């Protein structure tokens, strides 16, 4: 289960961060003040998904990684 969960959490994290970046850039370059305001309000709500996905990717990566005592 951990082997399947780790890449899903990692991809979700990358997609969320990419979406934040693209939405911010797009709204700043091409959007109105209302668009910019909306993006700036919605991004912190995205943290509700981003933070658990980061924790899940990190936790499963730690569990799946090599044991430090074997080196």
PDB file of N, CA and C in Angstrom:
ATOM      1  N   UNK A   1       0.822  -1.196   0.000  1.00  0.00           N
ATOM      2  CA  UNK A   1       0.000   0.000   0.000  1.00  0.00           C
ATOM      3  C   UNK A   1       0.868   1.263   0.000  1.00  0.00           C
ATOM      4  N   UNK A   2       1.931   1.238   0.802  1.00  0.00           N
ATOM      5  CA  UNK A   2       2.804   2.417   0.887  1.00  0.00           C
ATOM      6  C   UNK A   2       3.490   2.705  -0.444  1.00  0.00           C
ATOM      7  N   UNK A   3       3.811   1.644  -1.175  1.00  0.00           N
ATOM      8  CA  UNK A   3       4.483   1.821  -2.466  1.00  0.00           C
ATOM      9  C   UNK A   3       3.568   2.494  -3.486  1.00  0.00           C
ATOM     10  N   UNK A   4       2.274   2.334  -3.365  1.00  0.00           N
ATOM     11  CA  UNK A   4       1.336   2.986  -4.277  1.00  0.00           C
ATOM     12  C   UNK A   4       0.984   4.388  -3.791  1.00  0.00           C
ATOM     13  N   UNK A   5       0.934   4.561  -2.485  1.00  0.00           N
ATOM     14  CA  UNK A   5       0.533   5.837  -1.907  1.00  0.00           C
ATOM     15  C   UNK A   5       1.603   6.913  -2.087  1.00  0.00           C
ATOM     16  N   UNK A   6       2.858   6.531  -1.990  1.00  0.00           N
ATOM     17  CA  UNK A   6       3.959   7.494  -2.075  1.00  0.00           C
ATOM     18  C   UNK A   6       3.980   8.251  -3.411  1.00  0.00           C
ATOM     19  N   UNK A   7       3.948   7.574  -4.568  1.00  0.00           N
ATOM     20  CA  UNK A   7       3.973   8.332  -5.819  1.00  0.00           C
ATOM     21  C   UNK A   7       2.705   9.155  -6.042  1.00  0.00           C
ATOM     22  N   UNK A   8       1.569   8.665  -5.565  1.00  0.00           N
ATOM     23  CA  UNK A   8       0.327   9.436  -5.714  1.00  0.00           C
ATOM     24  C   UNK A   8       0.422  10.735  -4.921  1.00  0.00           C
ATOM     25  N   UNK A   9       0.900  10.643  -3.686  1.00  0.00           N
ATOM     26  CA  UNK A   9       1.058  11.840  -2.858  1.00  0.00           C
ATOM     27  C   UNK A   9       2.083  12.789  -3.459  1.00  0.00           C
ATOM     28  N   UNK A  10       3.159  12.247  -3.998  1.00  0.00           N
ATOM     29  CA  UNK A  10       4.192  13.087  -4.614  1.00  0.00           C
ATOM     30  C   UNK A  10       3.687  13.813  -5.842  1.00  0.00           C
ATOM     31  N   UNK A  11       2.971  13.096  -6.700  1.00  0.00           N
ATOM     32  CA  UNK A  11       2.424  13.727  -7.909  1.00  0.00           C
ATOM     33  C   UNK A  11       1.377  14.773  -7.538  1.00  0.00           C
ATOM     34  N   UNK A  12       0.529  14.457  -6.562  1.00  0.00           N
ATOM     35  CA  UNK A  12      -0.480  15.426  -6.123  1.00  0.00           C
ATOM     36  C   UNK A  12       0.181  16.701  -5.611  1.00  0.00           C
ATOM     37  N   UNK A  13       1.253  16.545  -4.843  1.00  0.00           N
ATOM     38  CA  UNK A  13       1.984  17.700  -4.315  1.00  0.00           C
ATOM     39  C   UNK A  13       2.549  18.551  -5.445  1.00  0.00           C
ATOM     40  N   UNK A  14       3.169  17.912  -6.412  1.00  0.00           N
ATOM     41  CA  UNK A  14       3.753  18.651  -7.536  1.00  0.00           C
ATOM     42  C   UNK A  14       2.661  19.363  -8.345  1.00  0.00           C
ATOM     43  N   UNK A  15       1.546  18.689  -8.557  1.00  0.00           N
ATOM     44  CA  UNK A  15       0.446  19.304  -9.315  1.00  0.00           C
ATOM     45  C   UNK A  15      -0.147  20.505  -8.582  1.00  0.00           C
ATOM     46  N   UNK A  16      -0.289  20.403  -7.278  1.00  0.00           N
ATOM     47  CA  UNK A  16      -0.841  21.525  -6.504  1.00  0.00           C
ATOM     48  C   UNK A  16       0.101  22.718  -6.555  1.00  0.00           C
ATOM     49  N   UNK A  17       1.382  22.480  -6.334  1.00  0.00           N
ATOM     50  CA  UNK A  17       2.348  23.577  -6.374  1.00  0.00           C
ATOM     51  C   UNK A  17       2.397  24.193  -7.775  1.00  0.00           C
ATOM     52  N   UNK A  18       2.370  23.352  -8.793  1.00  0.00           N
ATOM     53  CA  UNK A  18       2.339  23.856 -10.167  1.00  0.00           C
ATOM     54  C   UNK A  18       1.090  24.671 -10.453  1.00  0.00           C
ATOM     55  N   UNK A  19      -0.036  24.208  -9.950  1.00  0.00           N
ATOM     56  CA  UNK A  19      -1.282  24.954 -10.141  1.00  0.00           C
ATOM     57  C   UNK A  19      -1.211  26.314  -9.447  1.00  0.00           C
ATOM     58  N   UNK A  20      -0.669  26.346  -8.239  1.00  0.00           N
ATOM     59  CA  UNK A  20      -0.498  27.626  -7.541  1.00  0.00           C
ATOM     60  C   UNK A  20       0.317  28.581  -8.408  1.00  0.00           C
ATOM     61  N   UNK A  21       1.422  28.076  -8.940  1.00  0.00           N
ATOM     62  CA  UNK A  21       2.327  28.906  -9.723  1.00  0.00           C
ATOM     63  C   UNK A  21       1.658  29.404 -10.996  1.00  0.00           C
ATOM     64  N   UNK A  22       1.031  28.491 -11.741  1.00  0.00           N
ATOM     65  CA  UNK A  22       0.390  28.857 -13.009  1.00  0.00           C
ATOM     66  C   UNK A  22      -0.772  29.822 -12.776  1.00  0.00           C
ATOM     67  N   UNK A  23      -1.587  29.553 -11.772  1.00  0.00           N
ATOM     68  CA  UNK A  23      -2.713  30.453 -11.488  1.00  0.00           C
ATOM     69  C   UNK A  23      -2.237  31.836 -11.070  1.00  0.00           C
ATOM     70  N   UNK A  24      -1.197  31.882 -10.256  1.00  0.00           N
ATOM     71  CA  UNK A  24      -0.667  33.175  -9.823  1.00  0.00           C
ATOM     72  C   UNK A  24      -0.103  33.948 -11.011  1.00  0.00           C
ATOM     73  N   UNK A  25       0.716  33.291 -11.804  1.00  0.00           N
ATOM     74  CA  UNK A  25       1.322  33.953 -12.960  1.00  0.00           C
ATOM     75  C   UNK A  25       0.254  34.404 -13.949  1.00  0.00           C
ATOM     76  N   UNK A  26      -0.687  33.517 -14.248  1.00  0.00           N
ATOM     77  CA  UNK A  26      -1.744  33.862 -15.197  1.00  0.00           C
ATOM     78  C   UNK A  26      -2.603  35.014 -14.729  1.00  0.00           C
ATOM     79  N   UNK A  27      -2.959  35.005 -13.454  1.00  0.00           N
ATOM     80  CA  UNK A  27      -3.810  36.087 -12.958  1.00  0.00           C
ATOM     81  C   UNK A  27      -3.049  37.409 -12.905  1.00  0.00           C
ATOM     82  N   UNK A  28      -1.782  37.361 -12.553  1.00  0.00           N
ATOM     83  CA  UNK A  28      -0.996  38.592 -12.491  1.00  0.00           C
ATOM     84  C   UNK A  28      -0.747  39.177 -13.883  1.00  0.00           C
ATOM     85  N   UNK A  29      -0.517  38.317 -14.863  1.00  0.00           N
ATOM     86  CA  UNK A  29      -0.210  38.803 -16.209  1.00  0.00           C
ATOM     87  C   UNK A  29      -1.457  39.172 -17.013  1.00  0.00           C
ATOM     88  N   UNK A  30      -2.510  38.370 -16.890  1.00  0.00           N
ATOM     89  CA  UNK A  30      -3.657  38.527 -17.776  1.00  0.00           C
ATOM     90  C   UNK A  30      -4.975  38.808 -17.068  1.00  0.00           C
ATOM     91  N   UNK A  31      -5.003  38.725 -15.767  1.00  0.00           N
ATOM     92  CA  UNK A  31      -6.262  38.835 -15.039  1.00  0.00           C
ATOM     93  C   UNK A  31      -6.588  40.244 -14.598  1.00  0.00           C
ATOM     94  N   UNK A  32      -7.812  40.375 -14.184  1.00  0.00           N
ATOM     95  CA  UNK A  32      -8.267  41.639 -13.601  1.00  0.00           C
ATOM     96  C   UNK A  32      -7.912  41.636 -12.116  1.00  0.00           C
ATOM     97  N   UNK A  33      -8.193  42.734 -11.457  1.00  0.00           N
ATOM     98  CA  UNK A  33      -7.938  42.799 -10.021  1.00  0.00           C
ATOM     99  C   UNK A  33      -8.779  41.769  -9.278  1.00  0.00           C
ATOM    100  N   UNK A  34     -10.000  41.533  -9.750  1.00  0.00           N
ATOM    101  CA  UNK A  34     -10.854  40.528  -9.124  1.00  0.00           C
ATOM    102  C   UNK A  34     -10.274  39.127  -9.292  1.00  0.00           C
ATOM    103  N   UNK A  35      -9.707  38.829 -10.469  1.00  0.00           N
ATOM    104  CA  UNK A  35      -9.081  37.522 -10.684  1.00  0.00           C
ATOM    105  C   UNK A  35      -7.894  37.332  -9.750  1.00  0.00           C
ATOM    106  N   UNK A  36      -7.074  38.348  -9.630  1.00  0.00           N
ATOM    107  CA  UNK A  36      -5.899  38.272  -8.761  1.00  0.00           C
ATOM    108  C   UNK A  36      -6.328  38.050  -7.318  1.00  0.00           C
ATOM    109  N   UNK A  37      -7.327  38.802  -6.889  1.00  0.00           N
ATOM    110  CA  UNK A  37      -7.837  38.676  -5.522  1.00  0.00           C
ATOM    111  C   UNK A  37      -8.381  37.266  -5.267  1.00  0.00           C
ATOM    112  N   UNK A  38      -9.111  36.740  -6.231  1.00  0.00           N
ATOM    113  CA  UNK A  38      -9.682  35.399  -6.085  1.00  0.00           C
ATOM    114  C   UNK A  38      -8.587  34.346  -5.951  1.00  0.00           C
ATOM    115  N   UNK A  39      -7.560  34.441  -6.782  1.00  0.00           N
ATOM    116  CA  UNK A  39      -6.452  33.478  -6.702  1.00  0.00           C
ATOM    117  C   UNK A  39      -5.751  33.585  -5.360  1.00  0.00           C
ATOM    118  N   UNK A  40      -5.528  34.796  -4.891  1.00  0.00           N
ATOM    119  CA  UNK A  40      -4.837  34.983  -3.616  1.00  0.00           C
ATOM    120  C   UNK A  40      -5.666  34.483  -2.438  1.00  0.00           C
ATOM    121  N   UNK A  41      -6.975  34.467  -2.585  1.00  0.00           N
ATOM    122  CA  UNK A  41      -7.836  33.922  -1.534  1.00  0.00           C
ATOM    123  C   UNK A  41      -7.899  32.403  -1.610  1.00  0.00           C
ATOM    124  N   UNK A  42      -7.907  31.850  -2.818  1.00  0.00           N
ATOM    125  CA  UNK A  42      -8.049  30.407  -2.987  1.00  0.00           C
ATOM    126  C   UNK A  42      -6.777  29.626  -2.667  1.00  0.00           C
ATOM    127  N   UNK A  43      -5.625  30.206  -2.881  1.00  0.00           N
ATOM    128  CA  UNK A  43      -4.369  29.477  -2.641  1.00  0.00           C
ATOM    129  C   UNK A  43      -4.239  29.021  -1.188  1.00  0.00           C
ATOM    130  N   UNK A  44      -4.502  29.851  -0.192  1.00  0.00           N
ATOM    131  CA  UNK A  44      -4.424  29.324   1.181  1.00  0.00           C
ATOM    132  C   UNK A  44      -5.400  28.169   1.447  1.00  0.00           C
ATOM    133  N   UNK A  45      -6.542  28.153   0.792  1.00  0.00           N
ATOM    134  CA  UNK A  45      -7.453  27.019   0.926  1.00  0.00           C
ATOM    135  C   UNK A  45      -6.835  25.766   0.322  1.00  0.00           C
ATOM    136  N   UNK A  46      -6.012  25.937  -0.691  1.00  0.00           N
ATOM    137  CA  UNK A  46      -5.309  24.803  -1.285  1.00  0.00           C
ATOM    138  C   UNK A  46      -4.305  24.173  -0.335  1.00  0.00           C
ATOM    139  N   UNK A  47      -3.866  24.941   0.663  1.00  0.00           N
ATOM    140  CA  UNK A  47      -2.951  24.392   1.661  1.00  0.00           C
ATOM    141  C   UNK A  47      -3.590  23.239   2.430  1.00  0.00           C
ATOM    142  N   UNK A  48      -4.925  23.238   2.498  1.00  0.00           N
ATOM    143  CA  UNK A  48      -5.620  22.161   3.203  1.00  0.00           C
ATOM    144  C   UNK A  48      -5.405  20.808   2.525  1.00  0.00           C
ATOM    145  N   UNK A  49      -5.082  20.820   1.246  1.00  0.00           N
ATOM    146  CA  UNK A  49      -4.753  19.599   0.524  1.00  0.00           C
ATOM    147  C   UNK A  49      -3.232  19.447   0.409  1.00  0.00           C
ATOM    148  N   UNK A  50      -2.536  20.560   0.197  1.00  0.00           N
ATOM    149  CA  UNK A  50      -1.089  20.513  -0.015  1.00  0.00           C
ATOM    150  C   UNK A  50      -0.336  19.981   1.208  1.00  0.00           C
ATOM    151  N   UNK A  51      -0.641  20.486   2.368  1.00  0.00           N
ATOM    152  CA  UNK A  51       0.119  20.111   3.566  1.00  0.00           C
ATOM    153  C   UNK A  51      -0.026  18.622   3.893  1.00  0.00           C
ATOM    154  N   UNK A  52      -1.243  18.066   3.884  1.00  0.00           N
ATOM    155  CA  UNK A  52      -1.328  16.616   4.117  1.00  0.00           C
ATOM    156  C   UNK A  52      -0.640  15.793   3.025  1.00  0.00           C
ATOM    157  N   UNK A  53      -0.692  16.247   1.771  1.00  0.00           N
ATOM    158  CA  UNK A  53      -0.035  15.478   0.717  1.00  0.00           C
ATOM    159  C   UNK A  53       1.487  15.537   0.862  1.00  0.00           C
ATOM    160  N   UNK A  54       2.018  16.669   1.289  1.00  0.00           N
ATOM    161  CA  UNK A  54       3.453  16.766   1.575  1.00  0.00           C
ATOM    162  C   UNK A  54       3.842  15.833   2.726  1.00  0.00           C
ATOM    163  N   UNK A  55       3.036  15.838   3.773  1.00  0.00           N
ATOM    164  CA  UNK A  55       3.316  14.983   4.922  1.00  0.00           C
ATOM    165  C   UNK A  55       3.238  13.508   4.537  1.00  0.00           C
ATOM    166  N   UNK A  56       2.259  13.164   3.729  1.00  0.00           N
ATOM    167  CA  UNK A  56       2.101  11.777   3.299  1.00  0.00           C
ATOM    168  C   UNK A  56       3.261  11.337   2.410  1.00  0.00           C
ATOM    169  N   UNK A  57       3.661  12.201   1.492  1.00  0.00           N
ATOM    170  CA  UNK A  57       4.801  11.869   0.626  1.00  0.00           C
ATOM    171  C   UNK A  57       6.081  11.735   1.460  1.00  0.00           C
ATOM    172  N   UNK A  58       6.284  12.633   2.386  1.00  0.00           N
ATOM    173  CA  UNK A  58       7.477  12.559   3.232  1.00  0.00           C
ATOM    174  C   UNK A  58       7.467  11.355   4.155  1.00  0.00           C
ATOM    175  N   UNK A  59       6.334  11.090   4.756  1.00  0.00           N
ATOM    176  CA  UNK A  59       6.234   9.960   5.677  1.00  0.00           C
ATOM    177  C   UNK A  59       6.405   8.621   4.980  1.00  0.00           C
ATOM    178  N   UNK A  60       5.741   8.453   3.854  1.00  0.00           N
ATOM    179  CA  UNK A  60       5.881   7.185   3.134  1.00  0.00           C
ATOM    180  C   UNK A  60       7.281   7.054   2.538  1.00  0.00           C
ATOM    181  N   UNK A  61       7.873   8.169   2.125  1.00  0.00           N
ATOM    182  CA  UNK A  61       9.251   8.124   1.623  1.00  0.00           C
ATOM    183  C   UNK A  61      10.228   7.724   2.707  1.00  0.00           C
ATOM    184  N   UNK A  62       9.992   8.213   3.902  1.00  0.00           N
ATOM    185  CA  UNK A  62      10.852   7.853   5.030  1.00  0.00           C
ATOM    186  C   UNK A  62      10.737   6.363   5.340  1.00  0.00           C
ATOM    187  N   UNK A  63       9.515   5.869   5.341  1.00  0.00           N
ATOM    188  CA  UNK A  63       9.289   4.452   5.638  1.00  0.00           C
ATOM    189  C   UNK A  63       9.868   3.557   4.542  1.00  0.00           C
ATOM    190  N   UNK A  64       9.742   3.981   3.300  1.00  0.00           N
ATOM    191  CA  UNK A  64      10.221   3.164   2.190  1.00  0.00           C
ATOM    192  C   UNK A  64      11.724   3.293   1.953  1.00  0.00           C
ATOM    193  N   UNK A  65      12.323   4.343   2.476  1.00  0.00           N
ATOM    194  CA  UNK A  65      13.746   4.585   2.228  1.00  0.00           C
ATOM    195  C   UNK A  65      14.625   3.574   2.947  1.00  0.00           C
ATOM    196  N   UNK A  66      15.927   3.579   2.592  1.00  0.00           N
ATOM    197  CA  UNK A  66      16.851   2.644   3.242  1.00  0.00           C
ATOM    198  C   UNK A  66      17.087   3.010   4.703  1.00  0.00           C
ATOM    199  N   UNK A  67      17.342   2.009   5.492  1.00  0.00           N
ATOM    200  CA  UNK A  67      17.632   2.212   6.904  1.00  0.00           C
ATOM    201  C   UNK A  67      19.032   2.800   7.034  1.00  0.00           C
ATOM    202  N   UNK A  68      19.174   3.865   7.813  1.00  0.00           N
ATOM    203  CA  UNK A  68      20.475   4.536   7.946  1.00  0.00           C
ATOM    204  C   UNK A  68      21.521   3.641   8.606  1.00  0.00           C
ATOM    205  N   UNK A  69      21.117   2.696   9.411  1.00  0.00           N
ATOM    206  CA  UNK A  69      22.064   1.851  10.120  1.00  0.00           C
ATOM    207  C   UNK A  69      22.741   0.831   9.207  1.00  0.00           C
ATOM    208  N   UNK A  70      22.212   0.640   8.000  1.00  0.00           N
ATOM    209  CA  UNK A  70      22.825  -0.330   7.084  1.00  0.00           C
ATOM    210  C   UNK A  70      23.974   0.262   6.294  1.00  0.00           C
ATOM    211  N   UNK A  71      24.223   1.556   6.417  1.00  0.00           N
ATOM    212  CA  UNK A  71      25.290   2.195   5.631  1.00  0.00           C
ATOM    213  C   UNK A  71      26.559   2.321   6.434  1.00  0.00           C
TER     214      UNK A  71
END
